[in-house]
Amino acid sequence: MTGSVDNVTASNNGTGVLVQGVAKVTLSRSIVTANTSEGVHDGTSAHTFYTFGNNQIALNNPDNTTVLNNATFVLH
């Protein structure tokens, strides 16, 4: 499965963006804030969740639980 998350707002949830399983997913131009569990969780097999680095991710609790849960993204 291949998917794209583009130009969305995920706020005030448990986890803002949760991706799991065998998938290739990109995240771009999105805002992920004020989520109580995680901002972004990469649960893909072989870690195939990518970003273009133009997202705004902050003020999640906690903000440092996964590789992608930072304000500055890197393509991995």
PDB file of N, CA and C in Angstrom:
ATOM      1  N   MET A   1       0.835  -1.170   0.000  1.00  0.00           N
ATOM      2  CA  MET A   1       0.000   0.000   0.000  1.00  0.00           C
ATOM      3  C   MET A   1       0.887   1.242   0.000  1.00  0.00           C
ATOM      4  N   THR A   2       0.507   2.231  -0.770  1.00  0.00           N
ATOM      5  CA  THR A   2       1.188   3.516  -0.804  1.00  0.00           C
ATOM      6  C   THR A   2       0.162   4.599  -0.524  1.00  0.00           C
ATOM      7  N   GLY A   3       0.542   5.583   0.289  1.00  0.00           N
ATOM      8  CA  GLY A   3      -0.396   6.642   0.620  1.00  0.00           C
ATOM      9  C   GLY A   3       0.306   7.962   0.829  1.00  0.00           C
ATOM     10  N   SER A   4      -0.487   9.018   0.871  1.00  0.00           N
ATOM     11  CA  SER A   4       0.035  10.355   1.064  1.00  0.00           C
ATOM     12  C   SER A   4      -0.876  11.115   2.006  1.00  0.00           C
ATOM     13  N   VAL A   5      -0.271  11.804   2.983  1.00  0.00           N
ATOM     14  CA  VAL A   5      -1.000  12.693   3.880  1.00  0.00           C
ATOM     15  C   VAL A   5      -0.487  14.088   3.566  1.00  0.00           C
ATOM     16  N   ASP A   6      -1.346  14.935   3.016  1.00  0.00           N
ATOM     17  CA  ASP A   6      -0.910  16.242   2.534  1.00  0.00           C
ATOM     18  C   ASP A   6      -1.873  17.330   2.981  1.00  0.00           C
ATOM     19  N   ASN A   7      -1.319  18.372   3.607  1.00  0.00           N
ATOM     20  CA  ASN A   7      -2.075  19.563   3.966  1.00  0.00           C
ATOM     21  C   ASN A   7      -3.254  19.258   4.900  1.00  0.00           C
ATOM     22  N   VAL A   8      -2.973  18.532   5.992  1.00  0.00           N
ATOM     23  CA  VAL A   8      -4.012  18.226   6.979  1.00  0.00           C
ATOM     24  C   VAL A   8      -3.616  18.801   8.341  1.00  0.00           C
ATOM     25  N   THR A   9      -4.599  18.944   9.218  1.00  0.00           N
ATOM     26  CA  THR A   9      -4.369  19.334  10.599  1.00  0.00           C
ATOM     27  C   THR A   9      -4.849  18.201  11.483  1.00  0.00           C
ATOM     28  N   ALA A  10      -3.964  17.737  12.375  1.00  0.00           N
ATOM     29  CA  ALA A  10      -4.306  16.694  13.340  1.00  0.00           C
ATOM     30  C   ALA A  10      -4.008  17.252  14.725  1.00  0.00           C
ATOM     31  N   SER A  11      -5.041  17.693  15.429  1.00  0.00           N
ATOM     32  CA  SER A  11      -4.868  18.329  16.728  1.00  0.00           C
ATOM     33  C   SER A  11      -5.862  17.794  17.743  1.00  0.00           C
ATOM     34  N   ASN A  12      -5.432  17.788  19.012  1.00  0.00           N
ATOM     35  CA  ASN A  12      -6.295  17.399  20.134  1.00  0.00           C
ATOM     36  C   ASN A  12      -6.809  15.967  20.037  1.00  0.00           C
ATOM     37  N   ASN A  13      -5.932  15.053  19.631  1.00  0.00           N
ATOM     38  CA  ASN A  13      -6.258  13.628  19.565  1.00  0.00           C
ATOM     39  C   ASN A  13      -5.353  12.890  20.537  1.00  0.00           C
ATOM     40  N   GLY A  14      -5.481  11.565  20.591  1.00  0.00           N
ATOM     41  CA  GLY A  14      -4.506  10.760  21.310  1.00  0.00           C
ATOM     42  C   GLY A  14      -3.201  10.774  20.540  1.00  0.00           C
ATOM     43  N   THR A  15      -3.218  10.204  19.345  1.00  0.00           N
ATOM     44  CA  THR A  15      -2.081  10.245  18.425  1.00  0.00           C
ATOM     45  C   THR A  15      -2.527  11.009  17.196  1.00  0.00           C
ATOM     46  N   GLY A  16      -1.734  11.994  16.783  1.00  0.00           N
ATOM     47  CA  GLY A  16      -2.116  12.830  15.645  1.00  0.00           C
ATOM     48  C   GLY A  16      -2.132  12.075  14.334  1.00  0.00           C
ATOM     49  N   VAL A  17      -1.013  11.422  13.996  1.00  0.00           N
ATOM     50  CA  VAL A  17      -0.891  10.642  12.767  1.00  0.00           C
ATOM     51  C   VAL A  17      -0.286   9.304  13.149  1.00  0.00           C
ATOM     52  N   LEU A  18      -0.986   8.213  12.849  1.00  0.00           N
ATOM     53  CA  LEU A  18      -0.540   6.867  13.170  1.00  0.00           C
ATOM     54  C   LEU A  18      -0.497   6.057  11.886  1.00  0.00           C
ATOM     55  N   VAL A  19       0.683   5.557  11.546  1.00  0.00           N
ATOM     56  CA  VAL A  19       0.844   4.744  10.336  1.00  0.00           C
ATOM     57  C   VAL A  19       1.423   3.406  10.754  1.00  0.00           C
ATOM     58  N   GLN A  20       0.794   2.298  10.322  1.00  0.00           N
ATOM     59  CA  GLN A  20       1.217   0.962  10.716  1.00  0.00           C
ATOM     60  C   GLN A  20       1.184   0.010   9.543  1.00  0.00           C
ATOM     61  N   GLY A  21       1.874  -1.115   9.688  1.00  0.00           N
ATOM     62  CA  GLY A  21       1.834  -2.191   8.722  1.00  0.00           C
ATOM     63  C   GLY A  21       2.830  -2.015   7.597  1.00  0.00           C
ATOM     64  N   VAL A  22       2.586  -2.760   6.538  1.00  0.00           N
ATOM     65  CA  VAL A  22       3.449  -2.698   5.364  1.00  0.00           C
ATOM     66  C   VAL A  22       2.890  -1.607   4.461  1.00  0.00           C
ATOM     67  N   ALA A  23       3.514  -0.445   4.507  1.00  0.00           N
ATOM     68  CA  ALA A  23       3.026   0.694   3.740  1.00  0.00           C
ATOM     69  C   ALA A  23       4.176   1.635   3.443  1.00  0.00           C
ATOM     70  N   LYS A  24       4.041   2.390   2.380  1.00  0.00           N
ATOM     71  CA  LYS A  24       4.940   3.494   2.074  1.00  0.00           C
ATOM     72  C   LYS A  24       4.087   4.745   2.096  1.00  0.00           C
ATOM     73  N   VAL A  25       4.376   5.637   3.048  1.00  0.00           N
ATOM     74  CA  VAL A  25       3.529   6.806   3.272  1.00  0.00           C
ATOM     75  C   VAL A  25       4.389   8.062   3.323  1.00  0.00           C
ATOM     76  N   THR A  26       3.899   9.143   2.719  1.00  0.00           N
ATOM     77  CA  THR A  26       4.566  10.439   2.810  1.00  0.00           C
ATOM     78  C   THR A  26       3.676  11.410   3.568  1.00  0.00           C
ATOM     79  N   LEU A  27       4.318  12.302   4.331  1.00  0.00           N
ATOM     80  CA  LEU A  27       3.625  13.337   5.091  1.00  0.00           C
ATOM     81  C   LEU A  27       4.198  14.679   4.659  1.00  0.00           C
ATOM     82  N   SER A  28       3.328  15.598   4.240  1.00  0.00           N
ATOM     83  CA  SER A  28       3.811  16.908   3.789  1.00  0.00           C
ATOM     84  C   SER A  28       2.789  17.998   4.099  1.00  0.00           C
ATOM     85  N   ARG A  29       3.286  19.226   4.302  1.00  0.00           N
ATOM     86  CA  ARG A  29       2.505  20.442   4.504  1.00  0.00           C
ATOM     87  C   ARG A  29       1.408  20.281   5.552  1.00  0.00           C
ATOM     88  N   SER A  30       1.696  19.556   6.633  1.00  0.00           N
ATOM     89  CA  SER A  30       0.670  19.270   7.628  1.00  0.00           C
ATOM     90  C   SER A  30       1.024  19.847   8.994  1.00  0.00           C
ATOM     91  N   ILE A  31      -0.008  20.054   9.828  1.00  0.00           N
ATOM     92  CA  ILE A  31       0.146  20.580  11.178  1.00  0.00           C
ATOM     93  C   ILE A  31      -0.317  19.503  12.151  1.00  0.00           C
ATOM     94  N   VAL A  32       0.561  19.150  13.094  1.00  0.00           N
ATOM     95  CA  VAL A  32       0.249  18.136  14.094  1.00  0.00           C
ATOM     96  C   VAL A  32       0.574  18.733  15.463  1.00  0.00           C
ATOM     97  N   THR A  33      -0.454  19.113  16.221  1.00  0.00           N
ATOM     98  CA  THR A  33      -0.248  19.784  17.502  1.00  0.00           C
ATOM     99  C   THR A  33      -1.239  19.315  18.563  1.00  0.00           C
ATOM    100  N   ALA A  34      -0.836  19.465  19.814  1.00  0.00           N
ATOM    101  CA  ALA A  34      -1.690  19.269  20.990  1.00  0.00           C
ATOM    102  C   ALA A  34      -2.313  17.882  21.071  1.00  0.00           C
ATOM    103  N   ASN A  35      -1.590  16.858  20.641  1.00  0.00           N
ATOM    104  CA  ASN A  35      -2.055  15.483  20.779  1.00  0.00           C
ATOM    105  C   ASN A  35      -1.503  14.916  22.083  1.00  0.00           C
ATOM    106  N   THR A  36      -2.305  14.139  22.801  1.00  0.00           N
ATOM    107  CA  THR A  36      -1.941  13.749  24.159  1.00  0.00           C
ATOM    108  C   THR A  36      -1.042  12.526  24.243  1.00  0.00           C
ATOM    109  N   SER A  37      -0.995  11.691  23.204  1.00  0.00           N
ATOM    110  CA  SER A  37      -0.151  10.500  23.249  1.00  0.00           C
ATOM    111  C   SER A  37       1.121  10.702  22.429  1.00  0.00           C
ATOM    112  N   GLU A  38       0.980  10.951  21.161  1.00  0.00           N
ATOM    113  CA  GLU A  38       2.110  11.205  20.271  1.00  0.00           C
ATOM    114  C   GLU A  38       1.654  12.114  19.141  1.00  0.00           C
ATOM    115  N   GLY A  39       2.566  12.862  18.602  1.00  0.00           N
ATOM    116  CA  GLY A  39       2.242  13.654  17.424  1.00  0.00           C
ATOM    117  C   GLY A  39       2.166  12.770  16.200  1.00  0.00           C
ATOM    118  N   VAL A  40       3.249  12.031  15.949  1.00  0.00           N
ATOM    119  CA  VAL A  40       3.328  11.137  14.797  1.00  0.00           C
ATOM    120  C   VAL A  40       3.940   9.827  15.258  1.00  0.00           C
ATOM    121  N   HIS A  41       3.318   8.714  14.876  1.00  0.00           N
ATOM    122  CA  HIS A  41       3.863   7.401  15.219  1.00  0.00           C
ATOM    123  C   HIS A  41       4.134   6.614  13.943  1.00  0.00           C
ATOM    124  N   ASP A  42       5.385   6.215  13.752  1.00  0.00           N
ATOM    125  CA  ASP A  42       5.785   5.405  12.595  1.00  0.00           C
ATOM    126  C   ASP A  42       5.839   3.951  13.018  1.00  0.00           C
ATOM    127  N   GLY A  43       4.787   3.213  12.719  1.00  0.00           N
ATOM    128  CA  GLY A  43       4.740   1.789  13.021  1.00  0.00           C
ATOM    129  C   GLY A  43       4.803   0.946  11.763  1.00  0.00           C
ATOM    130  N   THR A  44       5.349   1.522  10.688  1.00  0.00           N
ATOM    131  CA  THR A  44       5.417   0.783   9.429  1.00  0.00           C
ATOM    132  C   THR A  44       6.523  -0.251   9.485  1.00  0.00           C
ATOM    133  N   SER A  45       6.297  -1.348   8.781  1.00  0.00           N
ATOM    134  CA  SER A  45       7.319  -2.381   8.665  1.00  0.00           C
ATOM    135  C   SER A  45       8.449  -1.853   7.806  1.00  0.00           C
ATOM    136  N   ALA A  46       9.627  -1.960   8.297  1.00  0.00           N
ATOM    137  CA  ALA A  46      10.854  -1.458   7.646  1.00  0.00           C
ATOM    138  C   ALA A  46      10.924   0.067   7.653  1.00  0.00           C
ATOM    139  N   HIS A  47      10.126   0.712   8.490  1.00  0.00           N
ATOM    140  CA  HIS A  47      10.125   2.172   8.647  1.00  0.00           C
ATOM    141  C   HIS A  47      10.121   2.891   7.293  1.00  0.00           C
ATOM    142  N   THR A  48       9.004   2.790   6.613  1.00  0.00           N
ATOM    143  CA  THR A  48       8.844   3.400   5.290  1.00  0.00           C
ATOM    144  C   THR A  48       7.854   4.551   5.337  1.00  0.00           C
ATOM    145  N   PHE A  49       7.980   5.375   6.369  1.00  0.00           N
ATOM    146  CA  PHE A  49       7.170   6.578   6.527  1.00  0.00           C
ATOM    147  C   PHE A  49       8.098   7.757   6.278  1.00  0.00           C
ATOM    148  N   TYR A  50       7.821   8.524   5.233  1.00  0.00           N
ATOM    149  CA  TYR A  50       8.722   9.578   4.781  1.00  0.00           C
ATOM    150  C   TYR A  50       8.092  10.953   4.955  1.00  0.00           C
ATOM    151  N   THR A  51       8.930  11.974   5.009  1.00  0.00           N
ATOM    152  CA  THR A  51       8.449  13.341   5.104  1.00  0.00           C
ATOM    153  C   THR A  51       9.226  14.241   4.156  1.00  0.00           C
ATOM    154  N   PHE A  52       8.575  15.280   3.708  1.00  0.00           N
ATOM    155  CA  PHE A  52       9.236  16.272   2.868  1.00  0.00           C
ATOM    156  C   PHE A  52       9.864  17.381   3.700  1.00  0.00           C
ATOM    157  N   GLY A  53       9.676  17.350   5.018  1.00  0.00           N
ATOM    158  CA  GLY A  53      10.313  18.300   5.914  1.00  0.00           C
ATOM    159  C   GLY A  53       9.611  19.638   6.029  1.00  0.00           C
ATOM    160  N   ASN A  54       8.383  19.734   5.540  1.00  0.00           N
ATOM    161  CA  ASN A  54       7.666  21.007   5.579  1.00  0.00           C
ATOM    162  C   ASN A  54       6.423  20.938   6.476  1.00  0.00           C
ATOM    163  N   ASN A  55       6.492  20.126   7.518  1.00  0.00           N
ATOM    164  CA  ASN A  55       5.391  19.978   8.467  1.00  0.00           C
ATOM    165  C   ASN A  55       5.653  20.814   9.708  1.00  0.00           C
ATOM    166  N   GLN A  56       4.585  21.117  10.425  1.00  0.00           N
ATOM    167  CA  GLN A  56       4.694  21.829  11.702  1.00  0.00           C
ATOM    168  C   GLN A  56       4.196  20.890  12.788  1.00  0.00           C
ATOM    169  N   ILE A  57       5.138  20.382  13.593  1.00  0.00           N
ATOM    170  CA  ILE A  57       4.809  19.404  14.618  1.00  0.00           C
ATOM    171  C   ILE A  57       5.361  19.891  15.943  1.00  0.00           C
ATOM    172  N   ALA A  58       4.464  20.197  16.879  1.00  0.00           N
ATOM    173  CA  ALA A  58       4.899  20.732  18.165  1.00  0.00           C
ATOM    174  C   ALA A  58       3.790  20.610  19.195  1.00  0.00           C
ATOM    175  N   LEU A  59       4.168  20.757  20.451  1.00  0.00           N
ATOM    176  CA  LEU A  59       3.245  20.812  21.586  1.00  0.00           C
ATOM    177  C   LEU A  59       2.432  19.534  21.770  1.00  0.00           C
ATOM    178  N   ASN A  60       2.981  18.406  21.319  1.00  0.00           N
ATOM    179  CA  ASN A  60       2.371  17.113  21.598  1.00  0.00           C
ATOM    180  C   ASN A  60       2.951  16.621  22.919  1.00  0.00           C
ATOM    181  N   ASN A  61       2.290  15.682  23.553  1.00  0.00           N
ATOM    182  CA  ASN A  61       2.743  15.227  24.862  1.00  0.00           C
ATOM    183  C   ASN A  61       2.902  13.711  24.867  1.00  0.00           C
ATOM    184  N   PRO A  62       4.108  13.175  24.896  1.00  0.00           N
ATOM    185  CA  PRO A  62       5.396  13.874  24.824  1.00  0.00           C
ATOM    186  C   PRO A  62       5.750  14.199  23.379  1.00  0.00           C
ATOM    187  N   ASP A  63       6.677  15.107  23.192  1.00  0.00           N
ATOM    188  CA  ASP A  63       7.044  15.532  21.846  1.00  0.00           C
ATOM    189  C   ASP A  63       8.228  14.771  21.270  1.00  0.00           C
ATOM    190  N   ASN A  64       8.838  13.870  22.009  1.00  0.00           N
ATOM    191  CA  ASN A  64      10.054  13.237  21.518  1.00  0.00           C
ATOM    192  C   ASN A  64      10.001  11.721  21.562  1.00  0.00           C
ATOM    193  N   THR A  65       8.834  11.113  21.337  1.00  0.00           N
ATOM    194  CA  THR A  65       8.723   9.670  21.483  1.00  0.00           C
ATOM    195  C   THR A  65       9.078   8.881  20.233  1.00  0.00           C
ATOM    196  N   THR A  66       9.033   9.493  19.060  1.00  0.00           N
ATOM    197  CA  THR A  66       9.385   8.771  17.839  1.00  0.00           C
ATOM    198  C   THR A  66      10.276   9.639  16.975  1.00  0.00           C
ATOM    199  N   VAL A  67      10.869   9.022  15.982  1.00  0.00           N
ATOM    200  CA  VAL A  67      11.767   9.735  15.064  1.00  0.00           C
ATOM    201  C   VAL A  67      11.047  10.890  14.381  1.00  0.00           C
ATOM    202  N   LEU A  68       9.795  10.695  13.974  1.00  0.00           N
ATOM    203  CA  LEU A  68       9.077  11.696  13.222  1.00  0.00           C
ATOM    204  C   LEU A  68       8.346  12.707  14.104  1.00  0.00           C
ATOM    205  N   ASN A  69       8.438  12.569  15.403  1.00  0.00           N
ATOM    206  CA  ASN A  69       7.669  13.428  16.294  1.00  0.00           C
ATOM    207  C   ASN A  69       8.482  14.640  16.735  1.00  0.00           C
ATOM    208  N   ASN A  70       9.097  15.310  15.794  1.00  0.00           N
ATOM    209  CA  ASN A  70       9.903  16.497  16.066  1.00  0.00           C
ATOM    210  C   ASN A  70       9.458  17.628  15.147  1.00  0.00           C
ATOM    211  N   ALA A  71       9.753  18.845  15.525  1.00  0.00           N
ATOM    212  CA  ALA A  71       9.365  19.980  14.702  1.00  0.00           C
ATOM    213  C   ALA A  71      10.120  20.016  13.379  1.00  0.00           C
ATOM    214  N   THR A  72      11.348  19.501  13.361  1.00  0.00           N
ATOM    215  CA  THR A  72      12.133  19.454  12.133  1.00  0.00           C
ATOM    216  C   THR A  72      12.264  18.020  11.675  1.00  0.00           C
ATOM    217  N   PHE A  73      11.799  17.732  10.493  1.00  0.00           N
ATOM    218  CA  PHE A  73      11.821  16.377   9.969  1.00  0.00           C
ATOM    219  C   PHE A  73      13.047  16.140   9.107  1.00  0.00           C
ATOM    220  N   VAL A  74      13.463  14.907   9.014  1.00  0.00           N
ATOM    221  CA  VAL A  74      14.470  14.502   8.052  1.00  0.00           C
ATOM    222  C   VAL A  74      13.902  13.320   7.275  1.00  0.00           C
ATOM    223  N   LEU A  75      14.260  13.219   6.024  1.00  0.00           N
ATOM    224  CA  LEU A  75      13.814  12.104   5.203  1.00  0.00           C
ATOM    225  C   LEU A  75      14.570  10.868   5.630  1.00  0.00           C
ATOM    226  N   HIS A  76      13.859   9.810   5.951  1.00  0.00           N
ATOM    227  CA  HIS A  76      14.546   8.583   6.337  1.00  0.00           C
ATOM    228  C   HIS A  76      13.975   7.373   5.618  1.00  0.00           C
TER     229      HIS A  76
END
